[in-house]
Every structure is written in C-alpha cells, then in structure tokens.
Amino acid sequence: MMIEDPEFNDGIRAKIKEERVNVEWAVKEVADHYISLFSNIEDEYLKERALDLKDVSKRLLRILSGVEGTDLRSIKEESIIVAEDLIPSDTAQMNKEKAIGIVTELGGKTSHTSIMARTLEIPAIAGVKDITQIAKNGDFMIIDGGEGLILLNPSEEEIKKYEKKKKEYEAFKMKTREMKGKESISKDGIKVEIAANIGTPKDVDKIIENDGEGVGLYRTEFLYMDSDKLPTEEEQFESYKIVAERLEGKPVIIRTLDVGGDKDIPYLNLPEEMNPFLGYRAIRLCLDRVDIFETQLRALLRASAFGNIKIMFPMISSIKEIRDAKKILEEVKEELRKENIPFNEDIEVGIMVEIPSVAVHSDIFAKEVDFFSIGTNDLIQYTLAVDRGNQDISYLYNQYHPAVLKLIKMTIENGHKAGIWVGMCGEAAGDEKLIPLLLAMGLDEFSMNPSSILKARYIINNISKKEIEPMLDEILSLPTAEDVEKFIDENIIS
C-alpha cells in the first residue's frame, strides 16, 4: 500500500525536515511527484497506478485537513455526475442505481473514468472544458456518450427525441447479451476472434463473464511494478499458468516486459530520458538486460505446457531486434530441453505493430513472425505526433485519421500475403464505428476491454464484409478524420 511504502513516507519526512513545510503540503508534493511519473506511461495498467496514487493522496489530504469530500453513495435520485475528474474510490462508492451518467473536465476515451463507465455501461463524456462552471445542481442534462454530445436544459422536443433513442439503445443492449455462446461470424460467413486485453490474472473472470474467445494482450508489467525486486521465474510462471489453465485452450497472447525510463522501478536503475517513449524501453531494454528477458521467457515457455500461450514482443522497430529476440528464445528452449522441462515446441511468436515504420515495412517483418498485433494506441500517437496524455492537444489524437487507417490496412494486407494472421489490441479494436472497417480490411482478431466483447460480436454478426469492402477506397481517400467518421455514420452505422 502507498501509505505504508517506505520510500513514500521517507519522502514526506524529508520534505517536512528540509523545506519546513506542513504535513499536508509535504504529502501533496511527494504524491504529485509519483503521480507525474506514472501519468504519462502508455501502459493502461500502469496508468491506473497513477490514479490509485491520486486516489489515496486525495483521501489522505481530506483526513489531514478535516475536509469531507462529496459522498457519491448519498445520491437519492437519478443524476448525472459532473466533476473535474473521478478517482477510483469515487466510482467504487458511487450509487450505481442512481448515477446514470458521468461528465468530467479531464480525461479522454482511455481515461480511468471512461473505461470504468464502459465497464458499468454508464454513458460518459470526458474532457469537457469548464463543465463544472457551466452546469449547476438542478440543471436538466442529456448526454450522448456515443456522439460526445451534451444538451443542457433541453427543449421538450429534444427530450422526446432522446427518450426514443434511449429505448432503442436499451433494446440494442438486450440483443448484445444474447450473443453469449455464439460465434463471431459476419453475415457473409467471415469468422473472427474477439478476445480481451488484461493486466492481471484476476481479469480472467471478466473474460469468462463476457464470453471472450481468449486473451489478445496480457500485460505483464504488474509483476514488476507491484514488487520491490525482480519477480522470480516461479512467480511469473504461476501468473501465466493460471490464466492459460482457466481459459482451457483458448489463445493467451502474453506481451513481454514493456517498461522504460518513464516508469519508476528503482531496482532496475533505468536512466532518466528526455523522451522515454522513444528511448530505452520494452524490447530494447530486454535485449540489453538479457538476464531479465531470459527469466521471463523461461516462465512463458514453461507455462505454455498448460495452455495455448503465444509470445509477443513490444515496440519492435527493426528486423535485427526480432532475430535477436528469437535467438535468445531458442537458447532458452534448448536449456529447458536439457533440463527435461516440458513446453510447447511450436509456440507462436509475434510482434506488436505500433511504430509507423514497421507498418510501412510490414511485408518484410511478416516473414519473421507467426502473427502481428496492431497496437493502435501507440501507432496513432507516433503517426500523428501527439501525446495522447496531454490534455491540451488530445483533440489531435484520432483513430479515424485516414493516415492511421491506411497503415492498418497495409499491415493486414502484408501479413496475409505472408501467410500470417493479424490482430489488434488497441482501443480502436473495440470501437463500434471502426469494427466494420476493420472487418472489411480483413482483421482476424479483435482484442478489447472485456465489457465490449458482446457488443463487438453483435456488430460483427450483423454486418457483411463484402458490402463494406467496396467503400474502403473512398473512405481512405477522405481528407480528415471528421470526414471518415461522418461517412461511417451516414453509410455504415445506421
């Protein structure tokens, strides 16, 4: 726990002693330091640690200052929660029966609030500037989470229009629940796989609950972040094995360690960098710190004897990196053979396609691996040169951008030409407007938040690839992301 962490507490004591500030200020300064370190991390699991820190520090400051926060459990009537931001404890204690919508000034589609709202199936809009100053208690508000639209004190005509739209959406949700136990197959017989992104073994419960077809991205960073020392081979083995066993033969794609200088892991002694997202991280770190890499690969290979595990290398930028990583993997396999330790000799090995140069050169990269998984979160960020964590320029981060879609299509086509399958594990994979385009492009596997799986299956099962394919050239020739989204709304989503 953060409040028991010796480094956190030592930092507070040092602030008080050296700067002669009060305890509240010291707590805020030290907490803000750690929150800043975690906030710009791309990995969603690690971003949540920043929210946990913000959560704990906020509650601690309330206790120290004697100020009571708003109790979201006390909501007596159906309400839309309007706030600057919501932290995990806010959403955890929220009266789910009465909180029927959320609007926040901070955040975006990948923020904690947005992800939590999708999980709870509550309409939400994040990143609405000055909304806490504009809206007042007692105002009547309509929010359309799908369109990102807010109507404040609407007319009777607008109320009737959205009451009808709400009923239609409730009927749609009922239909998605009927997707349990069904295949993910389009009207013209194209079968795809709809899997889940997870951050810890406990997330398997959500996959089973939502009838997921496997794991398209298992982030392993929690093993390193939730410890004050490197996780042992045995600890890693158990974490991978339990997921593989519980999913009973369904594919489990495990991403090797994806950390860098933006993550505060003291025992790794990572260098501070001017631009850690382009620096010493992920596969680059693993190929340099072979001891760390070999331990993880041993654990992964051992666990492969208990289920359908596949290995995925992150942030690949060169052919040499793939070959070096596979060489180390082969050396580890040979060690296990000599030790008579069983593993899957034919384990599949793939890479994340998240760097534009790899997408452009994907015809060459495809010859080196068994599969691609397109990491759209970073691919969009790198293609459009936009920090998606920067609130001031978040409007530039757009998954409908034609340049991004062209890179995705190119990657899928090149993968198929080389005889490998292609998946996607970014937020875009669960976007209901993009799913039809991705199906038409030939995407084989969609990996997403478990709560989106049934909705995605419903969309897939009610569209035809051959009907959308002829539209792709026109869509990709459009000049802006806004034009693409408008075209989808008018011609595909109806």
Protein backbone atom coordinates (compact mmCIF):
# COMPACT_ATOMS: atom_id res chain seq x y z
CA MET A 1 0.00 0.00 0.00
CA MET A 2 1.15 3.51 -0.79
CA ILE A 3 0.70 4.84 2.77
CA GLU A 4 2.95 2.03 4.04
CA ASP A 5 5.60 2.48 1.33
CA PRO A 6 8.90 3.43 2.99
CA GLU A 7 10.08 5.49 0.01
CA PHE A 8 6.83 7.48 0.02
CA ASN A 9 6.99 8.07 3.77
CA ASP A 10 10.70 8.94 3.72
CA GLY A 11 9.98 11.49 1.00
CA ILE A 12 7.33 13.16 3.16
CA ARG A 13 9.61 13.26 6.20
CA ALA A 14 12.44 14.75 4.11
CA LYS A 15 10.12 17.46 2.75
CA ILE A 16 8.99 18.44 6.24
CA LYS A 17 12.52 18.42 7.66
CA GLU A 18 14.40 20.07 4.80
CA GLU A 19 11.79 22.51 3.47
CA ARG A 20 9.97 23.10 6.76
CA VAL A 21 6.52 22.71 5.22
CA ASN A 22 3.42 21.33 6.91
CA VAL A 23 2.45 17.69 6.53
CA GLU A 24 -0.41 18.39 4.10
CA TRP A 25 1.92 20.21 1.70
CA ALA A 26 4.58 17.51 2.03
CA VAL A 27 2.05 14.76 1.23
CA LYS A 28 0.79 16.68 -1.81
CA GLU A 29 4.30 17.38 -3.16
CA VAL A 30 5.53 13.80 -2.80
CA ALA A 31 2.29 12.31 -4.14
CA ASP A 32 2.32 14.70 -7.12
CA HIS A 33 5.88 13.60 -7.92
CA TYR A 34 4.88 9.93 -8.15
CA ILE A 35 1.61 10.72 -9.94
CA SER A 36 3.58 12.64 -12.58
CA LEU A 37 5.93 9.69 -13.07
CA PHE A 38 3.07 7.28 -13.69
CA SER A 39 0.63 9.53 -15.55
CA ASN A 40 2.50 9.65 -18.87
CA ILE A 41 3.01 5.91 -19.07
CA GLU A 42 1.39 4.31 -22.12
CA ASP A 43 0.53 1.01 -20.44
CA GLU A 44 -3.08 1.14 -19.19
CA TYR A 45 -2.39 -0.99 -16.12
CA LEU A 46 0.39 1.33 -15.03
CA LYS A 47 -1.71 4.41 -15.74
CA GLU A 48 -4.15 3.01 -13.20
CA ARG A 49 -1.37 3.10 -10.59
CA ALA A 50 -1.23 6.88 -11.06
CA LEU A 51 -4.95 7.02 -10.37
CA ASP A 52 -4.51 4.86 -7.30
CA LEU A 53 -1.83 7.26 -6.04
CA LYS A 54 -4.04 10.25 -6.74
CA ASP A 55 -6.91 8.49 -5.01
CA VAL A 56 -5.01 7.62 -1.84
CA SER A 57 -3.31 11.02 -1.60
CA LYS A 58 -6.62 12.83 -2.06
CA ARG A 59 -8.28 10.84 0.70
CA LEU A 60 -5.24 11.27 2.95
CA LEU A 61 -5.29 15.04 2.43
CA ARG A 62 -9.02 15.13 3.23
CA ILE A 63 -8.34 13.36 6.52
CA LEU A 64 -5.38 15.60 7.41
CA SER A 65 -7.27 18.80 6.60
CA GLY A 66 -10.56 17.67 8.09
CA VAL A 67 -12.42 18.35 4.84
CA GLU A 68 -15.16 15.93 3.83
CA GLY A 69 -15.47 15.03 0.16
CA THR A 70 -18.71 14.55 -1.76
CA ASP A 71 -20.26 11.22 -0.88
CA LEU A 72 -21.49 9.70 -4.13
CA ARG A 73 -23.28 6.99 -2.16
CA SER A 74 -25.77 9.57 -0.90
CA ILE A 75 -27.34 10.30 -4.31
CA LYS A 76 -31.10 9.97 -3.77
CA GLU A 77 -32.41 10.39 -7.31
CA GLU A 78 -31.25 9.63 -10.82
CA SER A 79 -28.39 12.01 -11.54
CA ILE A 80 -25.56 12.78 -13.93
CA ILE A 81 -22.27 13.18 -12.08
CA VAL A 82 -20.39 16.30 -13.20
CA ALA A 83 -16.83 16.62 -11.88
CA GLU A 84 -13.37 17.85 -12.73
CA ASP A 85 -12.28 14.20 -12.58
CA LEU A 86 -13.23 11.00 -10.80
CA ILE A 87 -10.74 8.81 -8.98
CA PRO A 88 -11.17 5.05 -8.44
CA SER A 89 -12.65 5.38 -4.95
CA ASP A 90 -15.25 7.84 -6.31
CA THR A 91 -16.51 5.36 -8.89
CA ALA A 92 -16.23 2.44 -6.44
CA GLN A 93 -18.53 4.11 -3.89
CA MET A 94 -20.90 5.61 -6.46
CA ASN A 95 -24.56 4.63 -6.19
CA LYS A 96 -24.76 2.67 -9.45
CA GLU A 97 -28.57 2.70 -9.43
CA LYS A 98 -28.83 6.48 -9.29
CA ALA A 99 -25.70 7.57 -11.20
CA ILE A 100 -26.96 7.34 -14.78
CA GLY A 101 -24.25 9.40 -16.48
CA ILE A 102 -20.81 10.93 -15.97
CA VAL A 103 -19.25 14.13 -17.37
CA THR A 104 -15.71 15.20 -16.44
CA GLU A 105 -13.44 18.07 -17.41
CA LEU A 106 -10.35 15.87 -17.54
CA GLY A 107 -9.61 12.62 -19.33
CA GLY A 108 -10.46 11.06 -22.67
CA LYS A 109 -11.54 7.76 -24.21
CA THR A 110 -8.72 5.87 -22.49
CA SER A 111 -9.02 7.54 -19.07
CA HIS A 112 -9.98 5.61 -15.95
CA THR A 113 -13.41 7.28 -15.84
CA SER A 114 -14.19 6.36 -19.45
CA ILE A 115 -13.02 2.76 -19.05
CA MET A 116 -14.95 2.36 -15.79
CA ALA A 117 -18.08 3.87 -17.36
CA ARG A 118 -17.87 1.37 -20.26
CA THR A 119 -17.49 -1.46 -17.77
CA LEU A 120 -20.56 -0.27 -15.82
CA GLU A 121 -22.41 0.56 -19.05
CA ILE A 122 -22.97 4.15 -17.93
CA PRO A 123 -22.96 6.91 -20.59
CA ALA A 124 -19.94 9.16 -20.08
CA ILE A 125 -18.15 12.07 -21.72
CA ALA A 126 -14.66 13.08 -20.62
CA GLY A 127 -12.54 16.12 -21.45
CA VAL A 128 -15.35 18.73 -21.38
CA LYS A 129 -13.67 22.03 -20.61
CA ASP A 130 -15.20 24.18 -17.81
CA ILE A 131 -18.27 21.93 -17.46
CA THR A 132 -18.17 22.29 -13.66
CA GLN A 133 -18.51 26.06 -14.12
CA ILE A 134 -21.26 25.83 -16.74
CA ALA A 135 -23.54 23.16 -15.22
CA LYS A 136 -25.25 23.70 -11.87
CA ASN A 137 -27.04 21.46 -9.40
CA GLY A 138 -30.63 21.02 -10.52
CA ASP A 139 -29.95 21.54 -14.24
CA PHE A 140 -31.54 19.06 -16.63
CA MET A 141 -28.90 17.41 -18.78
CA ILE A 142 -28.86 14.90 -21.62
CA ILE A 143 -25.59 13.22 -22.57
CA ASP A 144 -25.00 11.13 -25.66
CA GLY A 145 -21.81 9.19 -24.93
CA GLY A 146 -21.60 7.73 -28.42
CA GLU A 147 -21.65 11.15 -30.10
CA GLY A 148 -19.88 13.06 -27.30
CA LEU A 149 -22.87 15.41 -27.11
CA ILE A 150 -24.24 17.31 -24.10
CA LEU A 151 -27.58 19.10 -24.03
CA LEU A 152 -28.05 21.40 -21.04
CA ASN A 153 -31.67 22.19 -20.13
CA PRO A 154 -33.02 20.76 -23.42
CA SER A 155 -36.36 21.52 -25.02
CA GLU A 156 -39.37 19.17 -24.78
CA GLU A 157 -38.76 18.12 -28.39
CA GLU A 158 -35.12 17.23 -27.63
CA ILE A 159 -36.17 15.28 -24.54
CA LYS A 160 -38.65 13.19 -26.56
CA LYS A 161 -36.04 12.55 -29.25
CA TYR A 162 -33.50 11.23 -26.74
CA GLU A 163 -36.06 9.22 -24.76
CA LYS A 164 -36.74 7.35 -28.00
CA LYS A 165 -33.00 6.96 -28.64
CA LYS A 166 -32.52 5.62 -25.09
CA LYS A 167 -35.20 2.96 -25.60
CA GLU A 168 -33.57 1.91 -28.86
CA TYR A 169 -30.21 1.61 -27.11
CA GLU A 170 -31.71 -0.47 -24.27
CA ALA A 171 -33.12 -2.83 -26.89
CA PHE A 172 -29.68 -2.98 -28.52
CA LYS A 173 -28.07 -3.90 -25.17
CA MET A 174 -30.56 -6.72 -24.72
CA LYS A 175 -29.58 -8.07 -28.12
CA THR A 176 -25.88 -7.96 -27.26
CA ARG A 177 -26.50 -10.11 -24.17
CA GLU A 178 -27.98 -12.74 -26.48
CA MET A 179 -24.56 -13.07 -28.11
CA LYS A 180 -23.22 -15.28 -25.31
CA GLY A 181 -22.34 -18.71 -26.62
CA LYS A 182 -22.45 -17.63 -30.27
CA GLU A 183 -19.63 -17.48 -32.79
CA SER A 184 -18.24 -14.17 -34.01
CA ILE A 185 -19.14 -14.54 -37.67
CA SER A 186 -20.35 -11.97 -40.20
CA LYS A 187 -23.50 -12.28 -42.30
CA ASP A 188 -21.39 -13.41 -45.25
CA GLY A 189 -19.57 -16.08 -43.22
CA ILE A 190 -16.34 -14.36 -42.19
CA LYS A 191 -15.29 -15.74 -38.80
CA VAL A 192 -13.11 -13.65 -36.50
CA GLU A 193 -11.88 -13.93 -32.93
CA ILE A 194 -12.92 -11.46 -30.23
CA ALA A 195 -10.50 -11.54 -27.31
CA ALA A 196 -9.70 -9.40 -24.28
CA ASN A 197 -6.91 -7.16 -23.04
CA ILE A 198 -5.96 -7.93 -19.43
CA GLY A 199 -3.49 -6.62 -16.87
CA THR A 200 -3.60 -9.28 -14.12
CA PRO A 201 -4.80 -12.90 -13.71
CA LYS A 202 -7.93 -11.75 -11.85
CA ASP A 203 -9.18 -10.17 -15.09
CA VAL A 204 -9.91 -13.66 -16.43
CA ASP A 205 -13.22 -13.53 -14.52
CA LYS A 206 -14.34 -10.69 -16.82
CA ILE A 207 -13.36 -12.66 -19.92
CA ILE A 208 -15.41 -15.66 -18.84
CA GLU A 209 -18.35 -13.43 -17.81
CA ASN A 210 -18.38 -11.77 -21.24
CA ASP A 211 -17.74 -14.96 -23.24
CA GLY A 212 -14.38 -13.81 -24.58
CA GLU A 213 -12.53 -16.03 -27.02
CA GLY A 214 -9.15 -15.65 -25.38
CA VAL A 215 -6.57 -13.03 -24.43
CA GLY A 216 -5.25 -10.80 -27.19
CA LEU A 217 -2.96 -8.86 -24.85
CA TYR A 218 -1.74 -9.92 -21.43
CA ARG A 219 0.32 -7.05 -19.98
CA THR A 220 2.99 -8.43 -17.68
CA GLU A 221 4.20 -5.17 -16.13
CA PHE A 222 2.19 -5.66 -12.92
CA LEU A 223 4.65 -8.35 -11.86
CA TYR A 224 7.49 -5.80 -11.92
CA MET A 225 5.60 -2.74 -10.69
CA ASP A 226 3.94 -4.38 -7.69
CA SER A 227 7.25 -5.50 -6.21
CA ASP A 228 10.43 -4.03 -4.79
CA LYS A 229 12.56 -6.63 -6.59
CA LEU A 230 12.59 -8.53 -9.86
CA PRO A 231 9.86 -11.18 -9.97
CA THR A 232 11.26 -14.70 -9.87
CA GLU A 233 10.79 -17.22 -12.65
CA GLU A 234 8.40 -19.15 -10.42
CA GLU A 235 6.25 -16.09 -9.64
CA GLN A 236 5.96 -15.30 -13.33
CA PHE A 237 5.29 -18.92 -14.26
CA GLU A 238 2.37 -19.15 -11.82
CA SER A 239 0.84 -15.88 -13.11
CA TYR A 240 0.95 -17.07 -16.72
CA LYS A 241 -0.03 -20.68 -15.98
CA ILE A 242 -3.21 -19.79 -14.08
CA VAL A 243 -4.53 -17.70 -16.98
CA ALA A 244 -3.70 -20.39 -19.55
CA GLU A 245 -5.37 -23.10 -17.47
CA ARG A 246 -8.52 -21.13 -16.74
CA LEU A 247 -9.05 -20.35 -20.43
CA GLU A 248 -8.85 -24.06 -21.29
CA GLY A 249 -7.09 -23.97 -24.64
CA LYS A 250 -8.21 -20.55 -25.79
CA PRO A 251 -5.32 -18.39 -27.04
CA VAL A 252 -3.43 -16.30 -24.47
CA ILE A 253 -1.07 -13.77 -26.06
CA ILE A 254 1.46 -12.61 -23.48
CA ARG A 255 3.45 -9.45 -24.13
CA THR A 256 7.00 -9.48 -22.84
CA LEU A 257 8.10 -6.75 -20.46
CA ASP A 258 7.23 -3.26 -21.70
CA VAL A 259 8.82 -0.75 -19.33
CA GLY A 260 11.23 2.14 -19.77
CA GLY A 261 12.60 5.30 -18.22
CA ASP A 262 9.10 6.74 -17.75
CA LYS A 263 8.36 4.09 -15.10
CA ASP A 264 9.78 4.42 -11.62
CA ILE A 265 11.17 0.94 -10.90
CA PRO A 266 14.12 1.68 -8.58
CA TYR A 267 15.64 -1.81 -8.67
CA LEU A 268 16.02 -1.64 -12.49
CA ASN A 269 18.11 1.56 -12.30
CA LEU A 270 16.60 2.87 -15.53
CA PRO A 271 18.12 6.10 -16.85
CA GLU A 272 16.14 9.33 -16.92
CA GLU A 273 15.48 10.34 -20.52
CA MET A 274 14.31 13.46 -22.32
CA ASN A 275 11.84 11.38 -24.34
CA PRO A 276 11.35 7.97 -22.70
CA PHE A 277 8.63 6.91 -25.16
CA LEU A 278 11.26 6.86 -27.91
CA GLY A 279 14.08 5.60 -25.75
CA TYR A 280 15.46 2.70 -23.74
CA ARG A 281 12.34 0.60 -23.22
CA ALA A 282 10.44 -2.60 -24.00
CA ILE A 283 12.34 -4.94 -26.35
CA ARG A 284 15.32 -2.56 -26.38
CA LEU A 285 15.69 -2.93 -22.63
CA CYS A 286 15.11 -6.70 -22.74
CA LEU A 287 17.77 -7.29 -25.38
CA ASP A 288 20.22 -5.31 -23.26
CA ARG A 289 19.20 -6.86 -19.92
CA VAL A 290 19.23 -10.45 -21.16
CA ASP A 291 19.03 -11.84 -17.62
CA ILE A 292 15.60 -10.26 -17.15
CA PHE A 293 14.47 -11.34 -20.61
CA GLU A 294 15.61 -14.96 -20.23
CA THR A 295 13.84 -15.34 -16.89
CA GLN A 296 10.56 -14.15 -18.38
CA LEU A 297 10.95 -16.36 -21.46
CA ARG A 298 11.64 -19.42 -19.29
CA ALA A 299 8.45 -18.73 -17.32
CA LEU A 300 6.44 -18.20 -20.51
CA LEU A 301 7.71 -21.37 -22.15
CA ARG A 302 7.08 -23.46 -19.03
CA ALA A 303 3.53 -22.09 -18.79
CA SER A 304 2.94 -22.95 -22.47
CA ALA A 305 2.72 -26.62 -21.44
CA PHE A 306 -0.55 -25.77 -19.64
CA GLY A 307 -2.45 -23.91 -22.35
CA ASN A 308 -2.42 -22.09 -25.67
CA ILE A 309 0.16 -19.38 -24.89
CA LYS A 310 1.69 -17.19 -27.60
CA ILE A 311 4.60 -14.77 -27.10
CA MET A 312 4.51 -11.16 -28.32
CA PHE A 313 7.43 -8.71 -28.41
CA PRO A 314 6.57 -4.99 -27.95
CA MET A 315 7.96 -1.89 -29.64
CA ILE A 316 9.84 -3.74 -32.34
CA SER A 317 11.49 -1.28 -34.73
CA SER A 318 13.98 -3.42 -36.67
CA ILE A 319 14.41 -6.86 -38.17
CA LYS A 320 17.56 -7.30 -36.08
CA GLU A 321 15.54 -6.91 -32.87
CA ILE A 322 13.19 -9.73 -33.91
CA ARG A 323 16.05 -12.02 -34.85
CA ASP A 324 17.97 -11.26 -31.65
CA ALA A 325 14.86 -11.89 -29.53
CA LYS A 326 14.11 -15.17 -31.33
CA LYS A 327 17.75 -16.26 -30.92
CA ILE A 328 17.51 -15.76 -27.15
CA LEU A 329 14.17 -17.60 -27.15
CA GLU A 330 15.80 -20.56 -28.94
CA GLU A 331 18.64 -20.60 -26.41
CA VAL A 332 16.13 -20.70 -23.56
CA LYS A 333 14.25 -23.53 -25.29
CA GLU A 334 17.48 -25.51 -25.51
CA GLU A 335 18.10 -25.00 -21.78
CA LEU A 336 14.63 -26.35 -20.96
CA ARG A 337 15.14 -29.36 -23.23
CA LYS A 338 18.37 -30.22 -21.41
CA GLU A 339 16.53 -29.91 -18.09
CA ASN A 340 13.68 -32.11 -19.40
CA ILE A 341 11.16 -29.34 -18.68
CA PRO A 342 8.11 -29.57 -20.97
CA PHE A 343 6.93 -26.65 -23.12
CA ASN A 344 5.16 -26.11 -26.41
CA GLU A 345 7.84 -26.61 -29.08
CA ASP A 346 5.61 -24.90 -31.67
CA ILE A 347 4.72 -21.84 -29.59
CA GLU A 348 3.74 -18.92 -31.82
CA VAL A 349 5.84 -15.75 -31.71
CA GLY A 350 4.56 -12.37 -32.87
CA ILE A 351 5.21 -8.66 -32.60
CA MET A 352 3.22 -5.57 -31.84
CA VAL A 353 2.98 -3.23 -34.80
CA GLU A 354 2.95 0.16 -33.11
CA ILE A 355 5.67 2.09 -34.92
CA PRO A 356 4.75 3.60 -38.33
CA SER A 357 7.98 2.41 -39.99
CA VAL A 358 7.11 -1.19 -39.09
CA ALA A 359 3.63 -0.82 -40.60
CA VAL A 360 5.12 0.61 -43.81
CA HIS A 361 7.71 -2.20 -43.91
CA SER A 362 5.31 -4.88 -42.66
CA ASP A 363 5.78 -7.03 -45.77
CA ILE A 364 9.37 -7.65 -44.62
CA PHE A 365 8.58 -8.01 -40.91
CA ALA A 366 5.81 -10.54 -41.65
CA LYS A 367 8.39 -13.04 -42.92
CA GLU A 368 9.97 -13.19 -39.45
CA VAL A 369 6.96 -13.94 -37.20
CA ASP A 370 3.80 -16.02 -36.79
CA PHE A 371 1.44 -13.08 -36.25
CA PHE A 372 1.05 -9.32 -35.96
CA SER A 373 -0.93 -7.48 -33.29
CA ILE A 374 -1.55 -3.84 -34.17
CA GLY A 375 -1.12 -1.63 -31.10
CA THR A 376 -3.24 1.33 -32.19
CA ASN A 377 -2.76 3.39 -29.03
CA ASP A 378 0.90 3.98 -29.83
CA LEU A 379 0.55 3.71 -33.60
CA ILE A 380 -1.84 6.68 -33.57
CA GLN A 381 0.38 8.63 -31.19
CA TYR A 382 3.53 8.10 -33.24
CA THR A 383 1.83 8.59 -36.63
CA LEU A 384 0.16 11.86 -35.66
CA ALA A 385 2.98 13.11 -33.40
CA VAL A 386 0.60 13.68 -30.49
CA ASP A 387 0.98 12.85 -26.81
CA ARG A 388 -2.39 11.32 -26.01
CA GLY A 389 -1.85 12.06 -22.33
CA ASN A 390 -1.57 15.81 -23.00
CA GLN A 391 -4.99 17.37 -22.38
CA ASP A 392 -4.16 20.49 -24.42
CA ILE A 393 -3.61 18.58 -27.66
CA SER A 394 -5.74 15.49 -27.10
CA TYR A 395 -8.07 16.66 -29.89
CA LEU A 396 -5.31 15.70 -32.36
CA TYR A 397 -5.36 12.07 -31.22
CA ASN A 398 -7.92 10.47 -33.53
CA GLN A 399 -8.25 6.82 -34.53
CA TYR A 400 -10.36 7.74 -37.57
CA HIS A 401 -7.47 9.60 -39.22
CA PRO A 402 -7.08 8.33 -42.82
CA ALA A 403 -3.29 8.02 -42.43
CA VAL A 404 -3.74 5.71 -39.45
CA LEU A 405 -6.35 3.63 -41.28
CA LYS A 406 -4.07 3.28 -44.32
CA LEU A 407 -1.27 1.95 -42.10
CA ILE A 408 -3.66 -0.55 -40.51
CA LYS A 409 -4.91 -1.76 -43.91
CA MET A 410 -1.36 -2.05 -45.23
CA THR A 411 -0.29 -4.10 -42.22
CA ILE A 412 -3.23 -6.51 -42.52
CA GLU A 413 -2.72 -7.00 -46.25
CA ASN A 414 1.03 -7.58 -45.89
CA GLY A 415 0.50 -10.01 -43.05
CA HIS A 416 -1.96 -12.05 -45.08
CA LYS A 417 0.29 -12.08 -48.14
CA ALA A 418 2.99 -13.64 -45.96
CA GLY A 419 0.55 -16.22 -44.60
CA ILE A 420 0.26 -14.92 -41.03
CA TRP A 421 -2.79 -13.79 -39.09
CA VAL A 422 -3.25 -10.20 -37.89
CA GLY A 423 -4.92 -8.95 -34.72
CA MET A 424 -5.40 -5.63 -32.98
CA CYS A 425 -5.08 -4.89 -29.27
CA GLY A 426 -5.54 -1.10 -29.06
CA GLU A 427 -8.68 0.78 -28.03
CA ALA A 428 -9.66 1.04 -31.71
CA ALA A 429 -10.40 -2.71 -31.81
CA GLY A 430 -13.48 -2.17 -29.64
CA ASP A 431 -14.72 0.99 -31.37
CA GLU A 432 -18.18 0.20 -32.75
CA LYS A 433 -17.71 2.56 -35.71
CA LEU A 434 -14.33 1.11 -36.68
CA ILE A 435 -15.23 -2.57 -36.27
CA PRO A 436 -16.99 -2.74 -39.69
CA LEU A 437 -13.97 -1.12 -41.40
CA LEU A 438 -11.53 -3.45 -39.66
CA LEU A 439 -13.62 -6.46 -40.69
CA ALA A 440 -13.64 -5.22 -44.29
CA MET A 441 -9.85 -4.78 -44.16
CA GLY A 442 -9.54 -8.43 -43.13
CA LEU A 443 -8.58 -8.16 -39.44
CA ASP A 444 -8.56 -11.66 -37.94
CA GLU A 445 -8.62 -10.90 -34.22
CA PHE A 446 -10.11 -8.03 -32.21
CA SER A 447 -8.83 -7.64 -28.64
CA MET A 448 -10.53 -5.18 -26.30
CA ASN A 449 -11.89 -4.33 -22.87
CA PRO A 450 -13.85 -7.45 -21.79
CA SER A 451 -17.02 -5.37 -21.31
CA SER A 452 -17.04 -4.55 -25.06
CA ILE A 453 -16.86 -8.15 -26.31
CA LEU A 454 -20.57 -8.94 -26.66
CA LYS A 455 -21.30 -5.59 -28.32
CA ALA A 456 -18.47 -6.21 -30.81
CA ARG A 457 -19.81 -9.71 -31.55
CA TYR A 458 -23.27 -8.33 -32.19
CA ILE A 459 -21.86 -5.77 -34.65
CA ILE A 460 -19.77 -8.42 -36.46
CA ASN A 461 -22.71 -10.83 -36.68
CA ASN A 462 -24.96 -8.18 -38.22
CA ILE A 463 -22.72 -6.81 -40.97
CA SER A 464 -21.38 -8.16 -44.24
CA LYS A 465 -17.73 -7.79 -45.19
CA LYS A 466 -18.47 -7.81 -48.91
CA GLU A 467 -20.91 -4.91 -48.52
CA ILE A 468 -18.34 -2.68 -46.78
CA GLU A 469 -15.22 -3.63 -48.80
CA PRO A 470 -16.19 -1.52 -51.84
CA MET A 471 -16.37 1.57 -49.59
CA LEU A 472 -12.80 1.29 -48.28
CA ASP A 473 -11.05 3.14 -51.10
CA GLU A 474 -13.45 6.07 -50.81
CA ILE A 475 -13.08 6.16 -47.02
CA LEU A 476 -9.28 6.09 -47.17
CA SER A 477 -9.25 8.89 -49.74
CA LEU A 478 -11.13 11.27 -47.43
CA PRO A 479 -9.02 14.21 -46.20
CA THR A 480 -9.84 14.29 -42.47
CA ALA A 481 -10.76 12.09 -39.52
CA GLU A 482 -14.01 14.02 -39.20
CA ASP A 483 -14.90 13.17 -42.80
CA VAL A 484 -14.20 9.49 -42.12
CA GLU A 485 -16.40 9.43 -39.04
CA LYS A 486 -19.20 11.25 -40.86
CA PHE A 487 -19.03 8.77 -43.75
CA ILE A 488 -19.27 5.83 -41.33
CA ASP A 489 -22.25 7.40 -39.55
CA GLU A 490 -24.11 8.06 -42.77
CA ASN A 491 -23.28 4.93 -44.74
CA ILE A 492 -22.39 2.09 -42.37
CA ILE A 493 -23.74 2.69 -38.85
CA SER A 494 -27.46 3.17 -39.07
